[in-house]
Every structure is written in C-alpha cells, then in structure tokens.
Amino acid sequence: MDFKIDPRILISPQTQPAIDHKQRDLQSLRESSREFETLFVMEMFKAMRKSVPTGGLFEENMSTEIYREMLDMETARAATSGSGLGIAEAMYNQMAPLIENKK
C-alpha cells in the first residue's frame, strides 16, 4: 500500500496561532482548583454519610454503596458548579501570581 499525503492538508508551524502558555496554564490551574474543590466536597459528603447510623427498610449491598458514591459525586459536582463554596477561587487567587510572574 502506498499512502501519499496531500501537502495541502499539512499545517505549517507559521500558520498555527501562537498559544499563550501563561493563559493555558492559568486555565489549567482554574480547572484543577475546581476539580480539587469537587473532590474535597465529595470526601466531606462521604464522611458525613459515615456519621449517620445504617439500617432501614432495605438491606444494603455493594451496589447500594456504588450508587451512593455516584450520587455523592454528582451532588458534589452540582454543589461546586458556578461559584461553588469558594475554595477553588481562593486556591486560584493564591496560585495565579506564581504563573503570571513565571518567566
């Protein structure tokens, strides 16, 4: 098999837009701080759930535990969407100057 590459589909480095590394790093920092806040809230929900005594109408098994963890994760995502609790914003504000001042 002889595959030929059409030179018109190749993009040269000069035609690609310049990527601002600081902006990309700041965006990555914002996403990471939001993910951290979500995981923190999920762990908080998990600790709160352990403090509640078990028992009730239905017996508990592995699938119940899995669905509860999935519910906690989605609840944590919903709680931290938008402005959230402020943990992610505080982390971003504290670490953003380190990226902005980087050479």
PDB file of N, CA and C in Angstrom:
ATOM      1  N   MET A   1       0.835  -1.179   0.000  1.00  0.00           N
ATOM      2  CA  MET A   1       0.000   0.000   0.000  1.00  0.00           C
ATOM      3  C   MET A   1       0.877   1.239   0.000  1.00  0.00           C
ATOM      4  N   ASP A   2       0.547   2.131  -0.843  1.00  0.00           N
ATOM      5  CA  ASP A   2       1.309   3.355  -0.965  1.00  0.00           C
ATOM      6  C   ASP A   2       0.406   4.521  -0.573  1.00  0.00           C
ATOM      7  N   PHE A   3       0.662   5.080   0.608  1.00  0.00           N
ATOM      8  CA  PHE A   3      -0.129   6.198   1.087  1.00  0.00           C
ATOM      9  C   PHE A   3       0.610   7.487   0.792  1.00  0.00           C
ATOM     10  N   LYS A   4      -0.042   8.381   0.161  1.00  0.00           N
ATOM     11  CA  LYS A   4       0.556   9.674  -0.138  1.00  0.00           C
ATOM     12  C   LYS A   4      -0.186  10.748   0.663  1.00  0.00           C
ATOM     13  N   ILE A   5       0.571  11.664   1.189  1.00  0.00           N
ATOM     14  CA  ILE A   5      -0.008  12.742   1.974  1.00  0.00           C
ATOM     15  C   ILE A   5      -0.155  13.968   1.092  1.00  0.00           C
ATOM     16  N   ASP A   6      -1.325  14.500   1.086  1.00  0.00           N
ATOM     17  CA  ASP A   6      -1.595  15.711   0.318  1.00  0.00           C
ATOM     18  C   ASP A   6      -0.965  16.895   1.053  1.00  0.00           C
ATOM     19  N   PRO A   7      -0.049  17.632   0.422  1.00  0.00           N
ATOM     20  CA  PRO A   7       0.618  18.738   1.117  1.00  0.00           C
ATOM     21  C   PRO A   7      -0.329  19.869   1.503  1.00  0.00           C
ATOM     22  N   ARG A   8      -1.497  19.924   0.894  1.00  0.00           N
ATOM     23  CA  ARG A   8      -2.445  20.989   1.243  1.00  0.00           C
ATOM     24  C   ARG A   8      -3.062  20.789   2.620  1.00  0.00           C
ATOM     25  N   ILE A   9      -3.059  19.541   3.125  1.00  0.00           N
ATOM     26  CA  ILE A   9      -3.679  19.313   4.432  1.00  0.00           C
ATOM     27  C   ILE A   9      -2.696  19.504   5.568  1.00  0.00           C
ATOM     28  N   LEU A  10      -1.428  19.584   5.264  1.00  0.00           N
ATOM     29  CA  LEU A  10      -0.439  19.830   6.299  1.00  0.00           C
ATOM     30  C   LEU A  10      -0.470  21.287   6.719  1.00  0.00           C
ATOM     31  N   ILE A  11      -0.358  21.504   7.989  1.00  0.00           N
ATOM     32  CA  ILE A  11      -0.368  22.864   8.512  1.00  0.00           C
ATOM     33  C   ILE A  11       1.041  23.186   8.970  1.00  0.00           C
ATOM     34  N   SER A  12       1.581  24.235   8.451  1.00  0.00           N
ATOM     35  CA  SER A  12       2.934  24.611   8.831  1.00  0.00           C
ATOM     36  C   SER A  12       2.908  25.321  10.178  1.00  0.00           C
ATOM     37  N   PRO A  13       4.037  25.307  10.900  1.00  0.00           N
ATOM     38  CA  PRO A  13       4.064  25.967  12.213  1.00  0.00           C
ATOM     39  C   PRO A  13       3.795  27.460  12.142  1.00  0.00           C
ATOM     40  N   GLN A  14       4.078  28.094  10.996  1.00  0.00           N
ATOM     41  CA  GLN A  14       3.857  29.530  10.883  1.00  0.00           C
ATOM     42  C   GLN A  14       2.376  29.871  10.808  1.00  0.00           C
ATOM     43  N   THR A  15       1.549  28.962  10.307  1.00  0.00           N
ATOM     44  CA  THR A  15       0.123  29.273  10.156  1.00  0.00           C
ATOM     45  C   THR A  15      -0.689  28.971  11.410  1.00  0.00           C
ATOM     46  N   GLN A  16      -0.118  28.212  12.353  1.00  0.00           N
ATOM     47  CA  GLN A  16      -0.847  27.923  13.582  1.00  0.00           C
ATOM     48  C   GLN A  16      -0.817  29.151  14.483  1.00  0.00           C
ATOM     49  N   PRO A  17      -1.928  29.439  15.162  1.00  0.00           N
ATOM     50  CA  PRO A  17      -1.934  30.598  16.043  1.00  0.00           C
ATOM     51  C   PRO A  17      -0.998  30.379  17.228  1.00  0.00           C
ATOM     52  N   ALA A  18      -0.372  31.441  17.655  1.00  0.00           N
ATOM     53  CA  ALA A  18       0.534  31.354  18.796  1.00  0.00           C
ATOM     54  C   ALA A  18      -0.282  31.100  20.061  1.00  0.00           C
ATOM     55  N   ILE A  19       0.132  30.102  20.812  1.00  0.00           N
ATOM     56  CA  ILE A  19      -0.570  29.741  22.043  1.00  0.00           C
ATOM     57  C   ILE A  19       0.109  30.455  23.194  1.00  0.00           C
ATOM     58  N   ASP A  20      -0.667  31.201  23.925  1.00  0.00           N
ATOM     59  CA  ASP A  20      -0.128  31.879  25.095  1.00  0.00           C
ATOM     60  C   ASP A  20      -0.046  30.861  26.227  1.00  0.00           C
ATOM     61  N   HIS A  21       1.179  30.509  26.575  1.00  0.00           N
ATOM     62  CA  HIS A  21       1.383  29.456  27.579  1.00  0.00           C
ATOM     63  C   HIS A  21       0.857  29.874  28.951  1.00  0.00           C
ATOM     64  N   LYS A  22       0.996  31.146  29.281  1.00  0.00           N
ATOM     65  CA  LYS A  22       0.503  31.591  30.586  1.00  0.00           C
ATOM     66  C   LYS A  22      -1.011  31.468  30.669  1.00  0.00           C
ATOM     67  N   GLN A  23      -1.714  31.831  29.588  1.00  0.00           N
ATOM     68  CA  GLN A  23      -3.171  31.708  29.590  1.00  0.00           C
ATOM     69  C   GLN A  23      -3.599  30.255  29.701  1.00  0.00           C
ATOM     70  N   ARG A  24      -2.885  29.375  28.987  1.00  0.00           N
ATOM     71  CA  ARG A  24      -3.200  27.952  29.064  1.00  0.00           C
ATOM     72  C   ARG A  24      -2.946  27.415  30.472  1.00  0.00           C
ATOM     73  N   ASP A  25      -1.832  27.857  31.092  1.00  0.00           N
ATOM     74  CA  ASP A  25      -1.530  27.418  32.451  1.00  0.00           C
ATOM     75  C   ASP A  25      -2.541  27.950  33.457  1.00  0.00           C
ATOM     76  N   LEU A  26      -2.978  29.189  33.258  1.00  0.00           N
ATOM     77  CA  LEU A  26      -3.992  29.749  34.158  1.00  0.00           C
ATOM     78  C   LEU A  26      -5.324  29.013  34.018  1.00  0.00           C
ATOM     79  N   GLN A  27      -5.687  28.662  32.789  1.00  0.00           N
ATOM     80  CA  GLN A  27      -6.918  27.893  32.579  1.00  0.00           C
ATOM     81  C   GLN A  27      -6.803  26.518  33.217  1.00  0.00           C
ATOM     82  N   SER A  28      -5.649  25.896  33.077  1.00  0.00           N
ATOM     83  CA  SER A  28      -5.425  24.588  33.690  1.00  0.00           C
ATOM     84  C   SER A  28      -5.482  24.680  35.209  1.00  0.00           C
ATOM     85  N   LEU A  29      -4.932  25.757  35.763  1.00  0.00           N
ATOM     86  CA  LEU A  29      -4.992  25.968  37.211  1.00  0.00           C
ATOM     87  C   LEU A  29      -6.431  26.137  37.674  1.00  0.00           C
ATOM     88  N   ARG A  30      -7.230  26.886  36.907  1.00  0.00           N
ATOM     89  CA  ARG A  30      -8.635  27.085  37.280  1.00  0.00           C
ATOM     90  C   ARG A  30      -9.393  25.759  37.277  1.00  0.00           C
ATOM     91  N   GLU A  31      -9.166  24.933  36.247  1.00  0.00           N
ATOM     92  CA  GLU A  31      -9.841  23.630  36.175  1.00  0.00           C
ATOM     93  C   GLU A  31      -9.380  22.705  37.298  1.00  0.00           C
ATOM     94  N   SER A  32      -8.100  22.712  37.592  1.00  0.00           N
ATOM     95  CA  SER A  32      -7.569  21.849  38.652  1.00  0.00           C
ATOM     96  C   SER A  32      -8.096  22.261  40.017  1.00  0.00           C
ATOM     97  N   SER A  33      -8.177  23.558  40.261  1.00  0.00           N
ATOM     98  CA  SER A  33      -8.692  24.008  41.555  1.00  0.00           C
ATOM     99  C   SER A  33     -10.175  23.683  41.695  1.00  0.00           C
ATOM    100  N   ARG A  34     -10.932  23.754  40.590  1.00  0.00           N
ATOM    101  CA  ARG A  34     -12.346  23.383  40.639  1.00  0.00           C
ATOM    102  C   ARG A  34     -12.506  21.880  40.900  1.00  0.00           C
ATOM    103  N   GLU A  35     -11.663  21.058  40.249  1.00  0.00           N
ATOM    104  CA  GLU A  35     -11.709  19.606  40.484  1.00  0.00           C
ATOM    105  C   GLU A  35     -11.339  19.273  41.927  1.00  0.00           C
ATOM    106  N   PHE A  36     -10.350  20.002  42.474  1.00  0.00           N
ATOM    107  CA  PHE A  36      -9.973  19.771  43.867  1.00  0.00           C
ATOM    108  C   PHE A  36     -11.139  20.088  44.797  1.00  0.00           C
ATOM    109  N   GLU A  37     -11.813  21.199  44.534  1.00  0.00           N
ATOM    110  CA  GLU A  37     -12.966  21.558  45.368  1.00  0.00           C
ATOM    111  C   GLU A  37     -14.050  20.494  45.287  1.00  0.00           C
ATOM    112  N   THR A  38     -14.281  19.950  44.101  1.00  0.00           N
ATOM    113  CA  THR A  38     -15.288  18.901  43.938  1.00  0.00           C
ATOM    114  C   THR A  38     -14.901  17.655  44.724  1.00  0.00           C
ATOM    115  N   LEU A  39     -13.636  17.240  44.637  1.00  0.00           N
ATOM    116  CA  LEU A  39     -13.189  16.068  45.387  1.00  0.00           C
ATOM    117  C   LEU A  39     -13.256  16.308  46.889  1.00  0.00           C
ATOM    118  N   PHE A  40     -12.921  17.524  47.322  1.00  0.00           N
ATOM    119  CA  PHE A  40     -12.996  17.855  48.740  1.00  0.00           C
ATOM    120  C   PHE A  40     -14.430  17.752  49.251  1.00  0.00           C
ATOM    121  N   VAL A  41     -15.366  18.286  48.492  1.00  0.00           N
ATOM    122  CA  VAL A  41     -16.778  18.235  48.900  1.00  0.00           C
ATOM    123  C   VAL A  41     -17.278  16.797  48.889  1.00  0.00           C
ATOM    124  N   MET A  42     -16.832  16.009  47.909  1.00  0.00           N
ATOM    125  CA  MET A  42     -17.236  14.603  47.862  1.00  0.00           C
ATOM    126  C   MET A  42     -16.736  13.849  49.097  1.00  0.00           C
ATOM    127  N   GLU A  43     -15.498  14.092  49.486  1.00  0.00           N
ATOM    128  CA  GLU A  43     -14.963  13.446  50.692  1.00  0.00           C
ATOM    129  C   GLU A  43     -15.709  13.922  51.939  1.00  0.00           C
ATOM    130  N   MET A  44     -16.125  15.176  51.934  1.00  0.00           N
ATOM    131  CA  MET A  44     -16.905  15.694  53.051  1.00  0.00           C
ATOM    132  C   MET A  44     -18.259  14.987  53.128  1.00  0.00           C
ATOM    133  N   PHE A  45     -18.904  14.787  51.969  1.00  0.00           N
ATOM    134  CA  PHE A  45     -20.168  14.053  51.946  1.00  0.00           C
ATOM    135  C   PHE A  45     -19.975  12.624  52.424  1.00  0.00           C
ATOM    136  N   LYS A  46     -18.875  12.001  52.017  1.00  0.00           N
ATOM    137  CA  LYS A  46     -18.601  10.622  52.405  1.00  0.00           C
ATOM    138  C   LYS A  46     -18.422  10.521  53.927  1.00  0.00           C
ATOM    139  N   ALA A  47     -17.708  11.482  54.514  1.00  0.00           N
ATOM    140  CA  ALA A  47     -17.517  11.493  55.971  1.00  0.00           C
ATOM    141  C   ALA A  47     -18.834  11.762  56.687  1.00  0.00           C
ATOM    142  N   MET A  48     -19.668  12.625  56.117  1.00  0.00           N
ATOM    143  CA  MET A  48     -20.967  12.897  56.737  1.00  0.00           C
ATOM    144  C   MET A  48     -21.858  11.664  56.681  1.00  0.00           C
ATOM    145  N   ARG A  49     -21.784  10.923  55.579  1.00  0.00           N
ATOM    146  CA  ARG A  49     -22.613   9.728  55.440  1.00  0.00           C
ATOM    147  C   ARG A  49     -22.198   8.640  56.438  1.00  0.00           C
ATOM    148  N   LYS A  50     -20.888   8.569  56.750  1.00  0.00           N
ATOM    149  CA  LYS A  50     -20.420   7.576  57.724  1.00  0.00           C
ATOM    150  C   LYS A  50     -20.919   7.882  59.130  1.00  0.00           C
ATOM    151  N   SER A  51     -21.217   9.152  59.410  1.00  0.00           N
ATOM    152  CA  SER A  51     -21.662   9.516  60.754  1.00  0.00           C
ATOM    153  C   SER A  51     -23.130   9.164  60.999  1.00  0.00           C
ATOM    154  N   VAL A  52     -23.868   8.872  59.922  1.00  0.00           N
ATOM    155  CA  VAL A  52     -25.282   8.519  60.052  1.00  0.00           C
ATOM    156  C   VAL A  52     -25.393   7.015  60.282  1.00  0.00           C
ATOM    157  N   PRO A  53     -26.156   6.581  61.294  1.00  0.00           N
ATOM    158  CA  PRO A  53     -26.284   5.140  61.523  1.00  0.00           C
ATOM    159  C   PRO A  53     -26.961   4.427  60.350  1.00  0.00           C
ATOM    160  N   THR A  54     -26.496   3.220  60.066  1.00  0.00           N
ATOM    161  CA  THR A  54     -27.077   2.450  58.967  1.00  0.00           C
ATOM    162  C   THR A  54     -28.285   1.669  59.465  1.00  0.00           C
ATOM    163  N   GLY A  55     -29.038   1.181  58.536  1.00  0.00           N
ATOM    164  CA  GLY A  55     -30.233   0.422  58.874  1.00  0.00           C
ATOM    165  C   GLY A  55     -31.411   1.020  58.142  1.00  0.00           C
ATOM    166  N   GLY A  56     -32.464   0.293  58.146  1.00  0.00           N
ATOM    167  CA  GLY A  56     -33.630   0.825  57.483  1.00  0.00           C
ATOM    168  C   GLY A  56     -34.443  -0.285  56.859  1.00  0.00           C
ATOM    169  N   LEU A  57     -35.244   0.075  55.913  1.00  0.00           N
ATOM    170  CA  LEU A  57     -36.179  -0.828  55.280  1.00  0.00           C
ATOM    171  C   LEU A  57     -35.504  -1.819  54.343  1.00  0.00           C
ATOM    172  N   PHE A  58     -34.486  -1.363  53.620  1.00  0.00           N
ATOM    173  CA  PHE A  58     -33.844  -2.204  52.615  1.00  0.00           C
ATOM    174  C   PHE A  58     -32.479  -2.660  53.092  1.00  0.00           C
ATOM    175  N   GLU A  59     -32.103  -3.868  52.681  1.00  0.00           N
ATOM    176  CA  GLU A  59     -30.765  -4.337  53.030  1.00  0.00           C
ATOM    177  C   GLU A  59     -29.743  -3.672  52.120  1.00  0.00           C
ATOM    178  N   GLU A  60     -28.547  -3.496  52.635  1.00  0.00           N
ATOM    179  CA  GLU A  60     -27.510  -2.815  51.882  1.00  0.00           C
ATOM    180  C   GLU A  60     -26.535  -3.827  51.312  1.00  0.00           C
ATOM    181  N   ASN A  61     -26.110  -3.587  50.075  1.00  0.00           N
ATOM    182  CA  ASN A  61     -25.125  -4.460  49.446  1.00  0.00           C
ATOM    183  C   ASN A  61     -24.135  -3.585  48.683  1.00  0.00           C
ATOM    184  N   MET A  62     -23.295  -4.217  47.885  1.00  0.00           N
ATOM    185  CA  MET A  62     -22.247  -3.493  47.168  1.00  0.00           C
ATOM    186  C   MET A  62     -22.831  -2.496  46.165  1.00  0.00           C
ATOM    187  N   SER A  63     -23.896  -2.865  45.493  1.00  0.00           N
ATOM    188  CA  SER A  63     -24.484  -1.956  44.507  1.00  0.00           C
ATOM    189  C   SER A  63     -25.051  -0.709  45.177  1.00  0.00           C
ATOM    190  N   THR A  64     -25.602  -0.844  46.358  1.00  0.00           N
ATOM    191  CA  THR A  64     -26.110   0.317  47.088  1.00  0.00           C
ATOM    192  C   THR A  64     -24.974   1.277  47.400  1.00  0.00           C
ATOM    193  N   GLU A  65     -23.853   0.727  47.805  1.00  0.00           N
ATOM    194  CA  GLU A  65     -22.689   1.555  48.119  1.00  0.00           C
ATOM    195  C   GLU A  65     -22.163   2.273  46.865  1.00  0.00           C
ATOM    196  N   ILE A  66     -22.129   1.574  45.751  1.00  0.00           N
ATOM    197  CA  ILE A  66     -21.647   2.172  44.497  1.00  0.00           C
ATOM    198  C   ILE A  66     -22.568   3.306  44.067  1.00  0.00           C
ATOM    199  N   TYR A  67     -23.876   3.070  44.122  1.00  0.00           N
ATOM    200  CA  TYR A  67     -24.817   4.113  43.718  1.00  0.00           C
ATOM    201  C   TYR A  67     -24.777   5.299  44.668  1.00  0.00           C
ATOM    202  N   ARG A  68     -24.544   5.052  45.946  1.00  0.00           N
ATOM    203  CA  ARG A  68     -24.430   6.152  46.901  1.00  0.00           C
ATOM    204  C   ARG A  68     -23.207   7.012  46.599  1.00  0.00           C
ATOM    205  N   GLU A  69     -22.085   6.349  46.263  1.00  0.00           N
ATOM    206  CA  GLU A  69     -20.878   7.095  45.905  1.00  0.00           C
ATOM    207  C   GLU A  69     -21.094   7.909  44.625  1.00  0.00           C
ATOM    208  N   MET A  70     -21.806   7.321  43.664  1.00  0.00           N
ATOM    209  CA  MET A  70     -22.102   8.058  42.433  1.00  0.00           C
ATOM    210  C   MET A  70     -23.005   9.255  42.725  1.00  0.00           C
ATOM    211  N   LEU A  71     -23.969   9.078  43.609  1.00  0.00           N
ATOM    212  CA  LEU A  71     -24.859  10.174  43.993  1.00  0.00           C
ATOM    213  C   LEU A  71     -24.072  11.268  44.701  1.00  0.00           C
ATOM    214  N   ASP A  72     -23.160  10.869  45.595  1.00  0.00           N
ATOM    215  CA  ASP A  72     -22.336  11.856  46.292  1.00  0.00           C
ATOM    216  C   ASP A  72     -21.470  12.639  45.310  1.00  0.00           C
ATOM    217  N   MET A  73     -20.918  11.965  44.311  1.00  0.00           N
ATOM    218  CA  MET A  73     -20.076  12.636  43.331  1.00  0.00           C
ATOM    219  C   MET A  73     -20.877  13.654  42.518  1.00  0.00           C
ATOM    220  N   GLU A  74     -22.052  13.265  42.063  1.00  0.00           N
ATOM    221  CA  GLU A  74     -22.881  14.193  41.288  1.00  0.00           C
ATOM    222  C   GLU A  74     -23.384  15.345  42.152  1.00  0.00           C
ATOM    223  N   THR A  75     -23.696  15.073  43.411  1.00  0.00           N
ATOM    224  CA  THR A  75     -24.123  16.134  44.321  1.00  0.00           C
ATOM    225  C   THR A  75     -22.982  17.106  44.571  1.00  0.00           C
ATOM    226  N   ALA A  76     -21.759  16.572  44.704  1.00  0.00           N
ATOM    227  CA  ALA A  76     -20.584  17.431  44.890  1.00  0.00           C
ATOM    228  C   ALA A  76     -20.330  18.284  43.653  1.00  0.00           C
ATOM    229  N   ARG A  77     -20.500  17.704  42.466  1.00  0.00           N
ATOM    230  CA  ARG A  77     -20.331  18.486  41.234  1.00  0.00           C
ATOM    231  C   ARG A  77     -21.361  19.603  41.153  1.00  0.00           C
ATOM    232  N   ALA A  78     -22.596  19.293  41.531  1.00  0.00           N
ATOM    233  CA  ALA A  78     -23.647  20.310  41.495  1.00  0.00           C
ATOM    234  C   ALA A  78     -23.392  21.401  42.532  1.00  0.00           C
ATOM    235  N   ALA A  79     -22.873  21.009  43.695  1.00  0.00           N
ATOM    236  CA  ALA A  79     -22.618  21.981  44.758  1.00  0.00           C
ATOM    237  C   ALA A  79     -21.461  22.911  44.420  1.00  0.00           C
ATOM    238  N   THR A  80     -20.513  22.427  43.631  1.00  0.00           N
ATOM    239  CA  THR A  80     -19.340  23.246  43.312  1.00  0.00           C
ATOM    240  C   THR A  80     -19.434  23.918  41.946  1.00  0.00           C
ATOM    241  N   SER A  81     -20.511  23.681  41.219  1.00  0.00           N
ATOM    242  CA  SER A  81     -20.661  24.372  39.933  1.00  0.00           C
ATOM    243  C   SER A  81     -21.013  25.831  40.204  1.00  0.00           C
ATOM    244  N   GLY A  82     -20.744  26.673  39.255  1.00  0.00           N
ATOM    245  CA  GLY A  82     -20.987  28.097  39.453  1.00  0.00           C
ATOM    246  C   GLY A  82     -19.941  28.673  40.380  1.00  0.00           C
ATOM    247  N   SER A  83     -20.371  29.396  41.385  1.00  0.00           N
ATOM    248  CA  SER A  83     -19.403  29.994  42.311  1.00  0.00           C
ATOM    249  C   SER A  83     -18.916  28.982  43.349  1.00  0.00           C
ATOM    250  N   GLY A  84     -19.651  27.898  43.553  1.00  0.00           N
ATOM    251  CA  GLY A  84     -19.218  26.854  44.478  1.00  0.00           C
ATOM    252  C   GLY A  84     -19.137  27.339  45.905  1.00  0.00           C
ATOM    253  N   LEU A  85     -18.218  26.745  46.654  1.00  0.00           N
ATOM    254  CA  LEU A  85     -18.037  27.117  48.049  1.00  0.00           C
ATOM    255  C   LEU A  85     -16.972  28.184  48.235  1.00  0.00           C
ATOM    256  N   GLY A  86     -16.205  28.454  47.191  1.00  0.00           N
ATOM    257  CA  GLY A  86     -15.166  29.475  47.268  1.00  0.00           C
ATOM    258  C   GLY A  86     -13.772  28.920  47.460  1.00  0.00           C
ATOM    259  N   ILE A  87     -13.652  27.618  47.672  1.00  0.00           N
ATOM    260  CA  ILE A  87     -12.335  27.004  47.873  1.00  0.00           C
ATOM    261  C   ILE A  87     -11.521  27.081  46.585  1.00  0.00           C
ATOM    262  N   ALA A  88     -12.144  26.769  45.464  1.00  0.00           N
ATOM    263  CA  ALA A  88     -11.439  26.787  44.187  1.00  0.00           C
ATOM    264  C   ALA A  88     -10.985  28.203  43.841  1.00  0.00           C
ATOM    265  N   GLU A  89     -11.816  29.171  44.081  1.00  0.00           N
ATOM    266  CA  GLU A  89     -11.456  30.564  43.770  1.00  0.00           C
ATOM    267  C   GLU A  89     -10.314  31.040  44.662  1.00  0.00           C
ATOM    268  N   ALA A  90     -10.340  30.652  45.932  1.00  0.00           N
ATOM    269  CA  ALA A  90      -9.250  31.033  46.835  1.00  0.00           C
ATOM    270  C   ALA A  90      -7.934  30.385  46.415  1.00  0.00           C
ATOM    271  N   MET A  91      -7.991  29.114  46.017  1.00  0.00           N
ATOM    272  CA  MET A  91      -6.777  28.442  45.547  1.00  0.00           C
ATOM    273  C   MET A  91      -6.254  29.102  44.286  1.00  0.00           C
ATOM    274  N   TYR A  92      -7.145  29.429  43.366  1.00  0.00           N
ATOM    275  CA  TYR A  92      -6.740  30.066  42.113  1.00  0.00           C
ATOM    276  C   TYR A  92      -6.097  31.424  42.384  1.00  0.00           C
ATOM    277  N   ASN A  93      -6.731  32.228  43.234  1.00  0.00           N
ATOM    278  CA  ASN A  93      -6.198  33.556  43.542  1.00  0.00           C
ATOM    279  C   ASN A  93      -4.836  33.479  44.224  1.00  0.00           C
ATOM    280  N   GLN A  94      -4.621  32.433  45.007  1.00  0.00           N
ATOM    281  CA  GLN A  94      -3.348  32.291  45.705  1.00  0.00           C
ATOM    282  C   GLN A  94      -2.236  31.816  44.766  1.00  0.00           C
ATOM    283  N   MET A  95      -2.557  30.969  43.784  1.00  0.00           N
ATOM    284  CA  MET A  95      -1.524  30.392  42.925  1.00  0.00           C
ATOM    285  C   MET A  95      -1.347  31.103  41.592  1.00  0.00           C
ATOM    286  N   ALA A  96      -2.317  31.884  41.160  1.00  0.00           N
ATOM    287  CA  ALA A  96      -2.233  32.566  39.863  1.00  0.00           C
ATOM    288  C   ALA A  96      -1.028  33.497  39.759  1.00  0.00           C
ATOM    289  N   PRO A  97      -0.677  34.266  40.793  1.00  0.00           N
ATOM    290  CA  PRO A  97       0.512  35.116  40.665  1.00  0.00           C
ATOM    291  C   PRO A  97       1.803  34.331  40.408  1.00  0.00           C
ATOM    292  N   LEU A  98       1.871  33.098  40.876  1.00  0.00           N
ATOM    293  CA  LEU A  98       3.062  32.296  40.614  1.00  0.00           C
ATOM    294  C   LEU A  98       3.217  32.012  39.124  1.00  0.00           C
ATOM    295  N   ILE A  99       2.100  31.793  38.442  1.00  0.00           N
ATOM    296  CA  ILE A  99       2.137  31.524  36.993  1.00  0.00           C
ATOM    297  C   ILE A  99       2.363  32.832  36.239  1.00  0.00           C
ATOM    298  N   GLU A 100       1.710  33.903  36.660  1.00  0.00           N
ATOM    299  CA  GLU A 100       1.829  35.178  35.961  1.00  0.00           C
ATOM    300  C   GLU A 100       3.245  35.746  36.042  1.00  0.00           C
ATOM    301  N   ASN A 101       3.923  35.509  37.159  1.00  0.00           N
ATOM    302  CA  ASN A 101       5.277  36.031  37.343  1.00  0.00           C
ATOM    303  C   ASN A 101       6.348  35.109  36.806  1.00  0.00           C
ATOM    304  N   LYS A 102       5.936  33.946  36.297  1.00  0.00           N
ATOM    305  CA  LYS A 102       6.891  32.993  35.746  1.00  0.00           C
ATOM    306  C   LYS A 102       7.469  33.535  34.451  1.00  0.00           C
ATOM    307  N   LYS A 103       8.753  33.345  34.254  1.00  0.00           N
ATOM    308  CA  LYS A 103       9.395  33.848  33.034  1.00  0.00           C
ATOM    309  C   LYS A 103       9.264  32.894  31.891  1.00  0.00           C
TER     310      LYS A 103
END
